Amino acid sequence: MEEKLQILYNQCLQELKSIGIDMINNKDIGKIDISLSNRKTKRYGCCKQEKPNKLYKTIEKRKNKNIIRYEKFDKHHIEISKWVMDLDERIIKNTIIHELIHCMPFCNNHKEQFKKYAKYINEMLGYDIKRAGNPKEDYEKSNIEYKEESPKYKYKIKCQGCGQEIYRQRFNIRLIKKYRCGKCGGKLQLVN
């Protein structure tokens, strides 16, 4: 599976190079490595950055805090979820290219620069790069049966007024002491 990922990754790099985006020899992008993620997760992939370039530092003021953000990094780790490798090759490559866009300067989020690159690549190479994927749709395109896992909740909270049930994976006592039902304003009670 790791070998298949590397082959598809190299194909993606060549396709991007054919439309003028050189991800290999570009000093602005930095070093990129790709691997399979061992975590069981719903996401398709992620791009983790290291070694921020201090020249591309922005300071954003939010309320009383200064938020420091870096727009360019010298090292990138792309992880692709194992379940994605079962899908059609075109969908895997779509995911790889999505994560490669995050390696470019000013693209470590899904804002303006990311959208600009995604639109250009979609038009030139016929991909469908978006902010988020749709697993059900992608399983159907790959002719694989989609099994939606139902979330496992540990706690059931019930409204004493209207009987509405709320499910939570984590429980904090403040939930039933401080908050009320959104429908009727009744008191909340932990059932299990």
Protein backbone atom coordinates (compact mmCIF):
# COMPACT_ATOMS: atom_id res chain seq x y z
CA MET A 1 0.00 0.00 0.00
CA GLU A 2 2.90 2.32 0.82
CA GLU A 3 4.39 1.60 -2.62
CA LYS A 4 1.09 2.42 -4.35
CA LEU A 5 0.96 5.72 -2.45
CA GLN A 6 4.50 6.62 -3.57
CA ILE A 7 3.70 5.80 -7.23
CA LEU A 8 0.54 7.94 -7.18
CA TYR A 9 2.40 10.74 -5.38
CA ASN A 10 5.08 10.79 -8.11
CA GLN A 11 2.36 10.84 -10.80
CA CYS A 12 0.74 13.83 -9.07
CA LEU A 13 4.08 15.68 -8.98
CA GLN A 14 4.54 15.07 -12.72
CA GLU A 15 0.99 16.21 -13.52
CA LEU A 16 1.50 19.41 -11.52
CA LYS A 17 4.83 20.03 -13.24
CA SER A 18 3.11 19.67 -16.64
CA ILE A 19 0.93 22.70 -15.83
CA GLY A 20 3.77 24.81 -14.44
CA ILE A 21 3.67 23.95 -10.73
CA ASP A 22 7.05 22.45 -9.83
CA MET A 23 6.81 20.97 -6.35
CA ILE A 24 10.17 19.13 -6.46
CA ASN A 25 12.79 21.76 -7.30
CA ASN A 26 10.95 24.73 -5.89
CA LYS A 27 12.90 26.40 -3.08
CA ASP A 28 9.77 28.27 -1.94
CA ILE A 29 7.96 25.06 -1.03
CA GLY A 30 10.58 23.17 0.98
CA LYS A 31 10.93 19.46 1.71
CA ILE A 32 7.84 17.25 1.43
CA ASP A 33 7.41 13.67 2.62
CA ILE A 34 4.32 11.50 2.33
CA SER A 35 3.12 8.48 4.32
CA LEU A 36 0.03 6.56 5.33
CA SER A 37 -1.73 7.55 8.53
CA ASN A 38 -2.15 4.82 11.14
CA ARG A 39 -4.98 6.63 12.90
CA LYS A 40 -8.54 5.56 12.36
CA THR A 41 -10.10 8.77 11.20
CA LYS A 42 -12.79 10.18 8.95
CA ARG A 43 -10.48 12.63 7.24
CA TYR A 44 -8.90 11.88 3.88
CA GLY A 45 -5.49 13.28 4.71
CA CYS A 46 -3.59 16.08 6.41
CA CYS A 47 -0.52 18.22 5.89
CA LYS A 48 1.57 18.97 8.95
CA GLN A 49 4.13 21.75 8.66
CA GLU A 50 7.48 22.18 10.41
CA LYS A 51 10.24 24.78 10.46
CA PRO A 52 8.32 28.01 9.87
CA ASN A 53 10.06 30.65 7.77
CA LYS A 54 10.38 33.70 10.05
CA LEU A 55 10.19 36.09 7.06
CA TYR A 56 6.57 35.04 6.47
CA LYS A 57 5.28 35.77 9.96
CA THR A 58 1.97 37.59 10.40
CA ILE A 59 0.52 38.87 13.65
CA GLU A 60 -3.24 39.03 13.89
CA LYS A 61 -4.96 40.78 16.77
CA ARG A 62 -8.05 39.02 18.16
CA LYS A 63 -9.65 40.65 21.18
CA ASN A 64 -6.81 40.95 23.71
CA LYS A 65 -4.55 38.35 22.10
CA ASN A 66 -1.93 38.50 19.38
CA ILE A 67 -2.09 35.43 17.14
CA ILE A 68 1.17 34.63 15.34
CA ARG A 69 0.78 32.77 12.06
CA TYR A 70 3.38 31.63 9.58
CA GLU A 71 2.51 31.51 5.90
CA LYS A 72 5.51 29.52 4.65
CA PHE A 73 7.22 26.41 6.01
CA ASP A 74 10.43 24.60 5.09
CA LYS A 75 9.23 21.07 5.88
CA HIS A 76 5.89 19.33 5.22
CA HIS A 77 4.55 15.92 6.29
CA ILE A 78 1.59 14.68 4.25
CA GLU A 79 -0.43 11.82 5.72
CA ILE A 80 -3.09 9.98 3.72
CA SER A 81 -5.63 7.84 5.59
CA LYS A 82 -5.41 4.11 4.90
CA TRP A 83 -9.11 3.82 4.03
CA VAL A 84 -8.61 6.28 1.15
CA MET A 85 -6.21 3.81 -0.49
CA ASP A 86 -9.17 1.46 -1.15
CA LEU A 87 -10.85 4.09 -3.33
CA ASP A 88 -10.42 4.81 -7.03
CA GLU A 89 -6.94 6.05 -8.02
CA ARG A 90 -8.37 9.35 -9.26
CA ILE A 91 -9.82 10.05 -5.78
CA ILE A 92 -6.51 9.14 -4.11
CA LYS A 93 -4.65 11.51 -6.45
CA ASN A 94 -7.26 14.19 -5.79
CA THR A 95 -6.50 13.84 -2.05
CA ILE A 96 -2.73 13.92 -2.60
CA ILE A 97 -2.95 17.08 -4.72
CA HIS A 98 -5.25 18.70 -2.13
CA GLU A 99 -2.55 18.14 0.50
CA LEU A 100 0.22 19.28 -1.88
CA ILE A 101 -1.58 22.62 -2.27
CA HIS A 102 -1.28 23.07 1.51
CA CYS A 103 2.52 22.88 1.10
CA MET A 104 2.57 26.05 -0.99
CA PRO A 105 3.17 29.43 0.68
CA PHE A 106 -0.02 31.14 1.96
CA CYS A 107 -2.05 27.92 1.45
CA ASN A 108 -1.98 26.27 4.87
CA ASN A 109 -5.72 26.90 5.20
CA HIS A 110 -8.67 26.74 2.78
CA LYS A 111 -8.84 30.46 2.06
CA GLU A 112 -8.22 32.59 -1.03
CA GLN A 113 -4.79 31.27 -2.16
CA PHE A 114 -5.82 27.63 -1.65
CA LYS A 115 -9.01 28.18 -3.68
CA LYS A 116 -7.06 29.87 -6.46
CA TYR A 117 -4.66 26.92 -6.84
CA ALA A 118 -7.49 24.38 -6.53
CA LYS A 119 -9.51 26.12 -9.25
CA TYR A 120 -6.50 26.28 -11.58
CA ILE A 121 -5.64 22.60 -11.07
CA ASN A 122 -9.29 21.56 -11.46
CA GLU A 123 -9.52 23.43 -14.78
CA MET A 124 -6.18 22.26 -16.16
CA LEU A 125 -6.14 18.63 -14.98
CA GLY A 126 -9.84 17.85 -14.48
CA TYR A 127 -9.71 17.15 -10.75
CA ASP A 128 -12.41 18.00 -8.22
CA ILE A 129 -10.38 19.53 -5.39
CA LYS A 130 -12.62 20.95 -2.67
CA ARG A 131 -12.29 21.92 0.97
CA ALA A 132 -13.76 18.62 2.16
CA GLY A 133 -14.60 15.31 0.55
CA ASN A 134 -17.76 13.22 0.61
CA PRO A 135 -16.92 9.62 1.59
CA LYS A 136 -20.33 8.23 0.58
CA GLU A 137 -20.01 9.73 -2.90
CA ASP A 138 -16.41 8.58 -3.29
CA TYR A 139 -17.22 5.01 -2.24
CA GLU A 140 -20.00 4.93 -4.86
CA LYS A 141 -17.62 6.25 -7.56
CA SER A 142 -15.17 3.47 -6.58
CA ASN A 143 -17.91 0.78 -6.71
CA ILE A 144 -17.41 -0.07 -3.04
CA GLU A 145 -20.26 -0.51 -0.56
CA TYR A 146 -20.36 2.39 1.91
CA LYS A 147 -20.97 1.44 5.54
CA GLU A 148 -21.72 4.47 7.65
CA GLU A 149 -20.60 3.94 11.20
CA SER A 150 -23.02 5.13 13.82
CA PRO A 151 -21.34 7.28 16.45
CA LYS A 152 -20.84 5.63 19.81
CA TYR A 153 -22.16 7.83 22.61
CA LYS A 154 -21.49 7.16 26.26
CA TYR A 155 -23.97 9.59 27.83
CA LYS A 156 -27.65 10.18 27.29
CA ILE A 157 -29.18 13.39 28.63
CA LYS A 158 -32.93 13.91 28.69
CA CYS A 159 -35.04 17.04 29.08
CA GLN A 160 -37.45 16.75 32.02
CA GLY A 161 -39.90 19.07 30.28
CA CYS A 162 -40.35 17.84 26.69
CA GLY A 163 -38.40 14.57 26.79
CA GLN A 164 -35.88 15.54 24.10
CA GLU A 165 -32.81 13.30 24.17
CA ILE A 166 -29.24 14.61 23.79
CA TYR A 167 -26.23 12.34 23.33
CA ARG A 168 -22.64 13.13 24.31
CA GLN A 169 -19.35 11.27 24.17
CA ARG A 170 -17.94 13.33 27.02
CA PHE A 171 -19.85 14.57 30.02
CA ASN A 172 -19.33 17.63 32.17
CA ILE A 173 -21.56 18.19 35.21
CA ARG A 174 -21.94 21.86 34.19
CA LEU A 175 -24.01 20.69 31.23
CA ILE A 176 -26.96 19.68 33.40
CA LYS A 177 -26.44 22.36 36.07
CA LYS A 178 -25.89 25.42 33.87
CA TYR A 179 -27.75 24.68 30.61
CA ARG A 180 -31.41 24.19 29.74
CA CYS A 181 -33.25 22.47 26.90
CA GLY A 182 -33.09 24.34 23.60
CA LYS A 183 -36.70 23.49 22.75
CA CYS A 184 -38.66 24.17 25.94
CA GLY A 185 -36.16 25.55 28.47
CA GLY A 186 -36.65 22.56 30.78
CA LYS A 187 -34.05 21.10 33.14
CA LEU A 188 -31.66 18.48 31.81
CA GLN A 189 -31.09 15.14 33.51
CA LEU A 190 -28.39 12.49 32.98
CA VAL A 191 -30.08 9.19 32.11
CA ASN A 192 -27.14 6.74 32.05
